[in-house]
Amino acid sequence: DNDEFLKGADKAYEMIVQAYQSNNILNVKDLLTPEALKAMEQAKAPKEIKFSEVKSSSIIDDKADEQRLMKSVKFETEHYNVANNEILTVVEEWGFEKEKKSSDPNWKLFSIKLVS
């Protein structure tokens, strides 16, 4: 069900971004593909930017192949820039995937694309 999926995606977004911003990405490794985990471990989060809230989210792509299900979600979020005391609106597309035969109920983040 897409409403249920979006609720979970919003929570995953918040958990992943907060773990990334606090340099504790290993805390959410179960929500990431190995490639996404490696990329986030190598990148350093700017210390002056803090996650505020998910303003909206919507599924923009939903597909499957033989092994997995994939959904792309467009997130519009707000972050707070501590350094210059301003709210930043960020739009990103996050790709989630799930192995069809896996007993793990979690979808895993495999891609992030900054839209604006």
C-alpha atoms as a PDB file:
ATOM      1  CA  ASP A   1       0.000   0.000   0.000  1.00  0.00           C
ATOM      2  CA  ASN A   2       1.522   3.303  -1.133  1.00  0.00           C
ATOM      3  CA  ASP A   3       0.279   5.383   1.842  1.00  0.00           C
ATOM      4  CA  GLU A   4       1.924   2.941   4.242  1.00  0.00           C
ATOM      5  CA  PHE A   5       5.077   2.917   2.122  1.00  0.00           C
ATOM      6  CA  LEU A   6       5.288   6.739   2.181  1.00  0.00           C
ATOM      7  CA  LYS A   7       4.895   6.824   5.975  1.00  0.00           C
ATOM      8  CA  GLY A   8       7.813   4.412   6.236  1.00  0.00           C
ATOM      9  CA  ALA A   9       9.824   6.347   3.644  1.00  0.00           C
ATOM     10  CA  ASP A  10       9.317   9.602   5.596  1.00  0.00           C
ATOM     11  CA  LYS A  11      10.577   7.902   8.780  1.00  0.00           C
ATOM     12  CA  ALA A  12      13.508   6.359   6.918  1.00  0.00           C
ATOM     13  CA  TYR A  13      14.400   9.761   5.434  1.00  0.00           C
ATOM     14  CA  GLU A  14      14.424  11.361   8.871  1.00  0.00           C
ATOM     15  CA  MET A  15      16.438   8.541  10.461  1.00  0.00           C
ATOM     16  CA  ILE A  16      19.004   8.382   7.641  1.00  0.00           C
ATOM     17  CA  VAL A  17      19.509  12.156   7.434  1.00  0.00           C
ATOM     18  CA  GLN A  18      19.857  12.523  11.206  1.00  0.00           C
ATOM     19  CA  ALA A  19      22.333   9.619  11.372  1.00  0.00           C
ATOM     20  CA  TYR A  20      24.299  11.131   8.465  1.00  0.00           C
ATOM     21  CA  GLN A  21      24.356  14.603  10.026  1.00  0.00           C
ATOM     22  CA  SER A  22      25.621  13.206  13.331  1.00  0.00           C
ATOM     23  CA  ASN A  23      28.227  11.017  11.545  1.00  0.00           C
ATOM     24  CA  ASN A  24      26.563   7.852  12.887  1.00  0.00           C
ATOM     25  CA  ILE A  25      25.489   6.384   9.537  1.00  0.00           C
ATOM     26  CA  LEU A  26      26.199   2.850  10.786  1.00  0.00           C
ATOM     27  CA  ASN A  27      23.154   3.236  13.067  1.00  0.00           C
ATOM     28  CA  VAL A  28      20.917   2.964   9.975  1.00  0.00           C
ATOM     29  CA  LYS A  29      22.972   0.543   7.882  1.00  0.00           C
ATOM     30  CA  ASP A  30      19.969  -1.843   7.699  1.00  0.00           C
ATOM     31  CA  LEU A  31      18.110   0.836   5.703  1.00  0.00           C
ATOM     32  CA  LEU A  32      20.892   1.218   3.103  1.00  0.00           C
ATOM     33  CA  THR A  33      22.274  -0.903   0.297  1.00  0.00           C
ATOM     34  CA  PRO A  34      26.022  -1.590   0.701  1.00  0.00           C
ATOM     35  CA  GLU A  35      26.741   0.975  -2.059  1.00  0.00           C
ATOM     36  CA  ALA A  36      24.657   3.692  -0.371  1.00  0.00           C
ATOM     37  CA  LEU A  37      26.320   2.951   2.980  1.00  0.00           C
ATOM     38  CA  LYS A  38      29.785   3.278   1.448  1.00  0.00           C
ATOM     39  CA  ALA A  39      28.895   6.568  -0.277  1.00  0.00           C
ATOM     40  CA  MET A  40      27.472   8.051   2.924  1.00  0.00           C
ATOM     41  CA  GLU A  41      30.462   6.915   4.983  1.00  0.00           C
ATOM     42  CA  GLN A  42      32.813   8.677   2.556  1.00  0.00           C
ATOM     43  CA  ALA A  43      30.845  11.948   2.433  1.00  0.00           C
ATOM     44  CA  LYS A  44      30.919  14.301   5.399  1.00  0.00           C
ATOM     45  CA  ALA A  45      27.802  16.181   6.419  1.00  0.00           C
ATOM     46  CA  PRO A  46      28.104  19.947   6.814  1.00  0.00           C
ATOM     47  CA  LYS A  47      28.002  20.669  10.544  1.00  0.00           C
ATOM     48  CA  GLU A  48      25.960  23.869  10.188  1.00  0.00           C
ATOM     49  CA  ILE A  49      22.984  22.167   8.467  1.00  0.00           C
ATOM     50  CA  LYS A  50      20.375  20.435  10.651  1.00  0.00           C
ATOM     51  CA  PHE A  51      17.341  18.484   9.456  1.00  0.00           C
ATOM     52  CA  SER A  52      14.035  20.123  10.354  1.00  0.00           C
ATOM     53  CA  GLU A  53      11.113  18.264   8.743  1.00  0.00           C
ATOM     54  CA  VAL A  54       9.684  16.429   5.745  1.00  0.00           C
ATOM     55  CA  LYS A  55       7.180  18.856   4.203  1.00  0.00           C
ATOM     56  CA  SER A  56       5.881  16.440   1.569  1.00  0.00           C
ATOM     57  CA  SER A  57       6.687  13.181  -0.145  1.00  0.00           C
ATOM     58  CA  SER A  58       5.269  11.410  -3.185  1.00  0.00           C
ATOM     59  CA  ILE A  59       6.038   8.303  -5.189  1.00  0.00           C
ATOM     60  CA  ILE A  60       7.237   9.337  -8.638  1.00  0.00           C
ATOM     61  CA  ASP A  61       8.265   5.932  -9.988  1.00  0.00           C
ATOM     62  CA  ASP A  62       7.281   2.374  -9.134  1.00  0.00           C
ATOM     63  CA  LYS A  63       8.784  -0.581 -10.994  1.00  0.00           C
ATOM     64  CA  ALA A  64      10.076  -4.113 -10.639  1.00  0.00           C
ATOM     65  CA  ASP A  65      12.475  -6.529 -12.261  1.00  0.00           C
ATOM     66  CA  GLU A  66      12.941 -10.272 -11.672  1.00  0.00           C
ATOM     67  CA  GLN A  67      14.705  -9.846  -8.318  1.00  0.00           C
ATOM     68  CA  ARG A  68      13.485  -6.608  -6.770  1.00  0.00           C
ATOM     69  CA  LEU A  69      10.850  -3.928  -6.367  1.00  0.00           C
ATOM     70  CA  MET A  70      11.930  -0.298  -6.755  1.00  0.00           C
ATOM     71  CA  LYS A  71      10.214   2.959  -5.836  1.00  0.00           C
ATOM     72  CA  SER A  72      11.438   6.515  -6.294  1.00  0.00           C
ATOM     73  CA  VAL A  73      10.198   9.095  -3.819  1.00  0.00           C
ATOM     74  CA  LYS A  74      10.335  12.863  -4.195  1.00  0.00           C
ATOM     75  CA  PHE A  75      10.913  14.524  -0.824  1.00  0.00           C
ATOM     76  CA  GLU A  76      10.500  18.225  -0.129  1.00  0.00           C
ATOM     77  CA  THR A  77      12.202  18.902   3.191  1.00  0.00           C
ATOM     78  CA  GLU A  78      13.328  21.762   5.366  1.00  0.00           C
ATOM     79  CA  HIS A  79      16.739  22.044   6.933  1.00  0.00           C
ATOM     80  CA  TYR A  80      18.054  24.741   9.238  1.00  0.00           C
ATOM     81  CA  ASN A  81      21.342  26.473   8.490  1.00  0.00           C
ATOM     82  CA  VAL A  82      22.739  27.315  11.934  1.00  0.00           C
ATOM     83  CA  ALA A  83      25.560  29.440  10.513  1.00  0.00           C
ATOM     84  CA  ASN A  84      23.328  32.060   8.888  1.00  0.00           C
ATOM     85  CA  ASN A  85      20.034  31.379  10.697  1.00  0.00           C
ATOM     86  CA  GLU A  86      17.939  30.444   7.666  1.00  0.00           C
ATOM     87  CA  ILE A  87      15.561  27.687   6.603  1.00  0.00           C
ATOM     88  CA  LEU A  88      16.579  25.790   3.479  1.00  0.00           C
ATOM     89  CA  THR A  89      14.039  23.952   1.333  1.00  0.00           C
ATOM     90  CA  VAL A  90      15.583  20.880  -0.281  1.00  0.00           C
ATOM     91  CA  VAL A  91      13.981  18.698  -2.962  1.00  0.00           C
ATOM     92  CA  GLU A  92      15.482  15.260  -3.502  1.00  0.00           C
ATOM     93  CA  GLU A  93      14.574  12.012  -5.208  1.00  0.00           C
ATOM     94  CA  TRP A  94      15.435   8.929  -3.175  1.00  0.00           C
ATOM     95  CA  GLY A  95      15.404   5.452  -4.688  1.00  0.00           C
ATOM     96  CA  PHE A  96      14.343   2.541  -2.471  1.00  0.00           C
ATOM     97  CA  GLU A  97      14.529  -1.134  -3.329  1.00  0.00           C
ATOM     98  CA  LYS A  98      13.412  -4.407  -1.813  1.00  0.00           C
ATOM     99  CA  GLU A  99      14.428  -7.930  -2.762  1.00  0.00           C
ATOM    100  CA  LYS A 100      11.314  -9.893  -3.740  1.00  0.00           C
ATOM    101  CA  LYS A 101      12.484 -13.074  -2.002  1.00  0.00           C
ATOM    102  CA  SER A 102      13.873 -11.404   1.125  1.00  0.00           C
ATOM    103  CA  SER A 103      12.248 -12.005   4.500  1.00  0.00           C
ATOM    104  CA  ASP A 104      13.437  -8.506   5.534  1.00  0.00           C
ATOM    105  CA  PRO A 105      10.401  -6.168   5.445  1.00  0.00           C
ATOM    106  CA  ASN A 106      12.591  -3.051   5.106  1.00  0.00           C
ATOM    107  CA  TRP A 107      13.096  -1.220   1.865  1.00  0.00           C
ATOM    108  CA  LYS A 108      16.692  -0.066   1.381  1.00  0.00           C
ATOM    109  CA  LEU A 109      17.895   3.272   0.071  1.00  0.00           C
ATOM    110  CA  PHE A 110      20.031   2.856  -3.037  1.00  0.00           C
ATOM    111  CA  SER A 111      20.151   6.323  -4.618  1.00  0.00           C
ATOM    112  CA  ILE A 112      19.806  10.021  -3.823  1.00  0.00           C
ATOM    113  CA  LYS A 113      19.454  12.725  -6.437  1.00  0.00           C
ATOM    114  CA  LEU A 114      19.324  16.396  -5.485  1.00  0.00           C
ATOM    115  CA  VAL A 115      16.608  18.171  -7.480  1.00  0.00           C
ATOM    116  CA  SER A 116      16.883  21.633  -5.874  1.00  0.00           C
END
